[in-house]
Amino acid sequence: MTPNIKAFFDSTTWTISYVVFDEPGGNCAIIDPVLDYDPKSGRTRTHSADKLIGFIHQQQLSVKWILETHAHADHLSSADYLKNQLGGKTAIGSGIPAVQETFKRIFNLSDEFIPDGHHFDHLFADGELFQVGKLTAKAISVSGHTPADMAYQFDNAIFAGDTLFMPDVGTARADFPGGDAHLLFRSIQKLLAFPPETRLLMCHDYPPAHRSAEWESTVAQQRAHNIHAHDGITEEEFVTMRSRRDATLEMPTLLLPSIQTNIRAGKLPPAEENGIAYFKIPINLI
């Protein structure tokens, strides 16, 4: 069954969230939802998430899944807020405990944070099938950007997360803790082995000055035009390029608060004895 797809672009974080559904009045999955966060004030808002809620109510949809392609470093997830408002099960790739363990050390999180993935309702294995109403979907492991990256295939559409960007932007970085450019290259090849007409939907777009944001391409377009991973690029060439490029990139503005939220499936850190939650900022570490 061909999925219905509604995209929501957040211009602050350049993130695209999706509602994928079988039919009006049917069932849906939410992919990579955004929680608005102001790093200057430390305040969160639900403006972006409420747009998704409005659409879901308009279409009279029942939420079955809230899917994360990975533990994002550039925006906070609103998965927990949406679950509380709409129901559904939160899910991510089965590699998330490795990511949680890494960042538990970096942030020196207390014993209350157990890095076993239990913060999510479900951890997908590579190749696992699942249902969204009349739609059958497949989880595809695409590790490299992080150890837990997962793409989601609905018929001829694959939600690629940060593994690929639009062809004129290239590919994701691989220098975050646990990242691996060799694995990223192999994951990209896995996606580009699908039929040429397969739709690839991005989680982010960082467009060059001459165009506005876009978020959908095809396997054929990526193989022909991706500036980092087009046909003919070898693994070693890609790794060399990725390593040199990553060394020039700044850390994402929302890296520290995002990771602390996203490894908890969109939950903020637990409140302290005064009733206030705090993000930790490691000094001279990252």
Protein backbone atom coordinates (compact mmCIF):
# COMPACT_ATOMS: atom_id res chain seq x y z
CA MET A 1 0.00 0.00 0.00
CA THR A 2 1.36 3.42 -0.95
CA PRO A 3 1.80 5.60 2.16
CA ASN A 4 0.40 9.09 2.56
CA ILE A 5 3.17 11.42 3.72
CA LYS A 6 2.91 14.86 5.27
CA ALA A 7 6.17 16.74 5.90
CA PHE A 8 6.70 19.51 8.45
CA PHE A 9 9.78 21.71 8.10
CA ASP A 10 11.26 23.42 11.16
CA SER A 11 13.27 26.41 9.92
CA THR A 12 15.05 26.91 13.26
CA THR A 13 16.79 23.52 13.25
CA TRP A 14 16.40 22.70 9.53
CA THR A 15 14.60 19.52 10.56
CA ILE A 16 11.85 17.75 8.63
CA SER A 17 9.36 15.73 10.66
CA TYR A 18 6.83 13.44 9.04
CA VAL A 19 3.39 11.97 9.58
CA VAL A 20 3.01 8.75 7.56
CA PHE A 21 -0.49 7.31 7.36
CA ASP A 22 -2.52 4.71 5.55
CA GLU A 23 -5.72 6.70 4.95
CA PRO A 24 -7.76 9.53 6.49
CA GLY A 25 -9.43 8.21 9.60
CA GLY A 26 -6.80 5.46 9.76
CA ASN A 27 -3.46 4.98 11.46
CA CYS A 28 -0.15 6.83 11.39
CA ALA A 29 3.47 6.98 12.47
CA ILE A 30 5.31 10.15 13.41
CA ILE A 31 8.97 10.35 12.41
CA ASP A 32 11.60 12.64 14.03
CA PRO A 33 9.37 15.21 15.78
CA VAL A 34 10.86 18.46 17.14
CA LEU A 35 10.57 20.04 20.58
CA ASP A 36 11.26 23.78 20.31
CA TYR A 37 14.10 24.91 22.59
CA ASP A 38 15.58 28.36 23.17
CA PRO A 39 19.24 27.95 24.23
CA LYS A 40 19.38 31.53 25.47
CA SER A 41 16.59 31.14 28.02
CA GLY A 42 16.52 27.37 28.47
CA ARG A 43 12.80 27.33 27.69
CA THR A 44 10.97 24.70 25.69
CA ARG A 45 7.83 25.16 23.60
CA THR A 46 5.61 22.75 21.71
CA HIS A 47 4.76 24.92 18.68
CA SER A 48 6.31 22.48 16.17
CA ALA A 49 4.80 19.40 17.79
CA ASP A 50 1.39 21.04 17.99
CA LYS A 51 1.39 21.45 14.20
CA LEU A 52 1.67 17.66 13.92
CA ILE A 53 -1.10 17.21 16.47
CA GLY A 54 -3.36 19.59 14.52
CA PHE A 55 -2.83 17.65 11.30
CA ILE A 56 -3.38 14.29 13.00
CA HIS A 57 -6.63 15.53 14.53
CA GLN A 58 -7.70 16.99 11.19
CA GLN A 59 -7.15 13.64 9.46
CA GLN A 60 -8.68 11.75 12.41
CA LEU A 61 -5.64 9.50 12.69
CA SER A 62 -4.64 7.09 15.44
CA VAL A 63 -0.93 7.22 16.30
CA LYS A 64 0.68 3.79 16.41
CA TRP A 65 4.39 4.68 16.43
CA ILE A 66 6.63 7.66 17.20
CA LEU A 67 9.84 6.78 15.36
CA GLU A 68 13.31 8.24 15.84
CA THR A 69 15.90 7.65 13.14
CA HIS A 70 18.62 8.19 15.79
CA ALA A 71 19.47 10.18 18.92
CA HIS A 72 19.67 13.57 17.23
CA ALA A 73 22.36 16.11 18.10
CA ASP A 74 20.76 19.14 16.44
CA HIS A 75 17.23 19.25 17.83
CA LEU A 76 15.35 18.05 20.88
CA SER A 77 12.72 15.37 20.30
CA SER A 78 9.09 15.95 21.23
CA ALA A 79 8.39 12.19 21.26
CA ASP A 80 7.46 12.10 24.94
CA TYR A 81 5.12 15.09 24.64
CA LEU A 82 3.41 13.57 21.59
CA LYS A 83 3.06 10.20 23.29
CA ASN A 84 1.35 11.86 26.23
CA GLN A 85 -0.98 13.80 23.91
CA LEU A 86 -1.72 11.17 21.28
CA GLY A 87 -0.55 7.75 22.44
CA GLY A 88 1.58 5.47 20.32
CA LYS A 89 4.84 3.65 21.05
CA THR A 90 8.24 5.34 20.91
CA ALA A 91 10.92 3.43 19.00
CA ILE A 92 14.52 3.67 17.81
CA GLY A 93 17.23 1.30 16.60
CA SER A 94 18.51 -1.48 18.84
CA GLY A 95 21.97 0.12 18.93
CA ILE A 96 20.76 2.92 21.22
CA PRO A 97 22.23 1.38 24.43
CA ALA A 98 25.74 1.94 23.03
CA VAL A 99 24.90 5.60 22.43
CA GLN A 100 23.39 5.91 25.90
CA GLU A 101 26.45 4.33 27.50
CA THR A 102 28.79 6.73 25.70
CA PHE A 103 26.86 9.82 26.73
CA LYS A 104 26.25 8.58 30.26
CA ARG A 105 30.04 8.76 30.67
CA ILE A 106 30.36 12.12 28.92
CA PHE A 107 27.66 13.75 31.04
CA ASN A 108 28.50 11.74 34.17
CA LEU A 109 24.84 10.85 34.57
CA SER A 110 23.70 9.44 37.89
CA ASP A 111 22.76 5.84 38.59
CA GLU A 112 19.13 6.64 37.79
CA PHE A 113 20.08 6.59 34.09
CA ILE A 114 20.49 2.95 33.05
CA PRO A 115 21.77 2.71 29.44
CA ASP A 116 19.76 -0.30 28.34
CA GLY A 117 17.28 1.34 25.95
CA HIS A 118 14.28 0.93 28.27
CA HIS A 119 13.42 4.63 27.87
CA PHE A 120 11.91 3.67 24.50
CA ASP A 121 8.91 1.39 24.14
CA HIS A 122 10.56 -0.63 21.38
CA LEU A 123 14.04 -1.14 19.89
CA PHE A 124 14.04 -2.21 16.25
CA ALA A 125 16.35 -4.86 14.89
CA ASP A 126 17.72 -4.56 11.38
CA GLY A 127 15.14 -5.85 8.91
CA GLU A 128 12.29 -5.95 11.42
CA LEU A 129 8.80 -5.52 9.97
CA PHE A 130 6.02 -3.63 11.74
CA GLN A 131 2.52 -2.39 11.00
CA VAL A 132 1.03 1.09 10.82
CA GLY A 133 -2.59 0.22 10.20
CA LYS A 134 -2.75 -1.10 6.63
CA LEU A 135 0.88 -0.14 5.98
CA THR A 136 3.72 -2.61 6.43
CA ALA A 137 7.03 -0.92 7.28
CA LYS A 138 10.60 -2.15 7.60
CA ALA A 139 13.41 -0.94 9.85
CA ILE A 140 16.81 -0.74 8.12
CA SER A 141 20.01 -0.30 10.13
CA VAL A 142 22.15 2.51 8.69
CA SER A 143 24.79 2.99 11.39
CA GLY A 144 27.75 5.30 10.86
CA HIS A 145 26.54 8.77 11.72
CA THR A 146 25.79 7.19 15.10
CA PRO A 147 25.80 3.50 16.09
CA ALA A 148 22.00 3.44 16.32
CA ASP A 149 20.85 5.08 13.08
CA MET A 150 17.76 3.47 11.59
CA ALA A 151 15.96 4.17 8.33
CA TYR A 152 12.29 3.27 7.88
CA GLN A 153 10.86 1.92 4.63
CA PHE A 154 7.19 2.29 3.74
CA ASP A 155 6.60 0.73 0.31
CA ASN A 156 8.75 2.76 -2.13
CA ALA A 157 9.59 5.51 0.39
CA ILE A 158 12.56 5.35 2.78
CA PHE A 159 13.04 7.84 5.59
CA ALA A 160 16.82 8.06 5.65
CA GLY A 161 17.43 10.10 8.79
CA ASP A 162 20.83 11.81 8.71
CA THR A 163 22.54 9.12 6.62
CA LEU A 164 21.99 11.11 3.42
CA PHE A 165 21.20 14.73 2.68
CA MET A 166 19.99 16.22 -0.58
CA PRO A 167 22.48 15.50 -3.40
CA ASP A 168 23.93 19.03 -3.42
CA VAL A 169 24.57 18.86 0.36
CA GLY A 170 26.01 15.35 0.54
CA THR A 171 26.12 13.16 3.62
CA ALA A 172 26.09 13.33 7.40
CA ARG A 173 29.15 13.77 9.57
CA ALA A 174 30.70 10.76 11.31
CA ASP A 175 32.81 12.35 14.04
CA PHE A 176 30.35 12.27 16.93
CA PRO A 177 31.19 9.77 19.69
CA GLY A 178 30.61 6.30 18.25
CA GLY A 179 30.50 7.55 14.66
CA ASP A 180 32.32 5.63 11.94
CA ALA A 181 32.82 6.90 8.39
CA HIS A 182 33.46 3.37 7.07
CA LEU A 183 30.11 2.19 8.43
CA LEU A 184 28.43 5.33 7.12
CA PHE A 185 29.69 4.62 3.60
CA ARG A 186 28.40 1.03 3.76
CA SER A 187 25.03 2.20 5.07
CA ILE A 188 24.76 4.67 2.20
CA GLN A 189 25.50 1.89 -0.27
CA LYS A 190 22.76 -0.19 1.34
CA LEU A 191 20.25 2.60 0.64
CA LEU A 192 21.56 3.25 -2.87
CA ALA A 193 21.14 -0.43 -3.75
CA PHE A 194 17.35 0.01 -3.77
CA PRO A 195 15.63 0.47 -7.16
CA PRO A 196 16.40 3.80 -8.88
CA GLU A 197 12.88 5.16 -8.43
CA THR A 198 12.86 4.60 -4.64
CA ARG A 199 11.99 7.79 -2.79
CA LEU A 200 14.49 8.95 -0.14
CA LEU A 201 13.20 11.41 2.45
CA MET A 202 15.65 13.42 4.55
CA CYS A 203 15.58 14.43 8.19
CA HIS A 204 17.44 17.69 7.52
CA ASP A 205 18.27 20.07 4.74
CA TYR A 206 20.98 22.73 4.92
CA PRO A 207 20.39 24.30 1.51
CA PRO A 208 22.92 26.35 -0.42
CA ALA A 209 22.02 29.98 -0.96
CA HIS A 210 20.47 29.48 -4.39
CA ARG A 211 17.56 27.28 -3.30
CA SER A 212 14.99 26.87 -0.54
CA ALA A 213 14.74 23.82 1.69
CA GLU A 214 13.96 20.47 0.05
CA TRP A 215 13.77 16.99 1.54
CA GLU A 216 12.99 14.37 -1.08
CA SER A 217 15.10 12.79 -3.80
CA THR A 218 15.40 9.36 -5.43
CA VAL A 219 18.04 6.67 -5.38
CA ALA A 220 18.82 7.51 -9.03
CA GLN A 221 19.35 11.20 -8.20
CA GLN A 222 21.58 10.38 -5.27
CA ARG A 223 23.69 7.92 -7.25
CA ALA A 224 24.15 10.42 -10.06
CA HIS A 225 24.60 13.66 -8.17
CA ASN A 226 25.38 13.26 -4.46
CA ILE A 227 28.51 15.37 -3.99
CA HIS A 228 29.95 12.96 -1.40
CA ALA A 229 28.64 9.54 -2.40
CA HIS A 230 27.81 9.39 -6.12
CA ASP A 231 28.58 6.29 -8.16
CA GLY A 232 32.31 5.73 -8.51
CA ILE A 233 33.36 7.04 -5.09
CA THR A 234 35.32 4.37 -3.22
CA GLU A 235 35.04 3.72 0.49
CA GLU A 236 38.55 5.02 1.15
CA GLU A 237 37.91 8.17 -0.87
CA PHE A 238 34.71 8.76 1.07
CA VAL A 239 36.37 8.18 4.46
CA THR A 240 39.22 10.55 3.61
CA MET A 241 36.78 13.24 2.47
CA ARG A 242 34.49 12.74 5.47
CA SER A 243 37.37 12.85 7.98
CA ARG A 244 38.84 16.04 6.52
CA ARG A 245 35.46 17.74 6.26
CA ASP A 246 34.33 16.73 9.74
CA ALA A 247 37.47 18.28 11.23
CA THR A 248 36.31 21.69 9.93
CA LEU A 249 32.73 21.53 11.25
CA GLU A 250 31.50 23.23 14.39
CA MET A 251 29.46 21.34 16.94
CA PRO A 252 25.69 21.77 16.48
CA THR A 253 24.25 24.59 18.58
CA LEU A 254 21.84 22.28 20.40
CA LEU A 255 24.16 19.27 20.76
CA LEU A 256 24.37 19.22 24.57
CA PRO A 257 20.70 19.67 25.46
CA SER A 258 19.56 17.54 22.50
CA ILE A 259 21.54 14.46 23.42
CA GLN A 260 20.51 14.59 27.08
CA THR A 261 16.86 14.67 26.00
CA ASN A 262 16.99 12.32 23.04
CA ILE A 263 18.73 9.40 24.75
CA ARG A 264 15.71 9.51 27.09
CA ALA A 265 13.17 9.22 24.23
CA GLY A 266 12.29 12.91 24.42
CA LYS A 267 12.05 13.15 28.20
CA LEU A 268 13.87 16.00 29.90
CA PRO A 269 16.39 15.14 32.64
CA PRO A 270 14.68 14.33 35.96
CA ALA A 271 13.88 17.33 38.15
CA GLU A 272 16.11 17.94 41.14
CA GLU A 273 14.92 18.44 44.72
CA ASN A 274 13.81 21.99 43.93
CA GLY A 275 11.48 20.73 41.19
CA ILE A 276 13.60 22.11 38.32
CA ALA A 277 15.29 20.05 35.58
CA TYR A 278 18.80 20.98 34.45
CA PHE A 279 21.02 20.19 31.49
CA LYS A 280 24.69 19.47 32.22
CA ILE A 281 27.45 21.23 30.26
CA PRO A 282 30.82 19.41 30.27
CA ILE A 283 33.68 21.94 30.23
CA ASN A 284 36.62 21.43 27.82
CA LEU A 285 35.57 17.87 26.98
CA ILE A 286 33.76 17.78 23.63
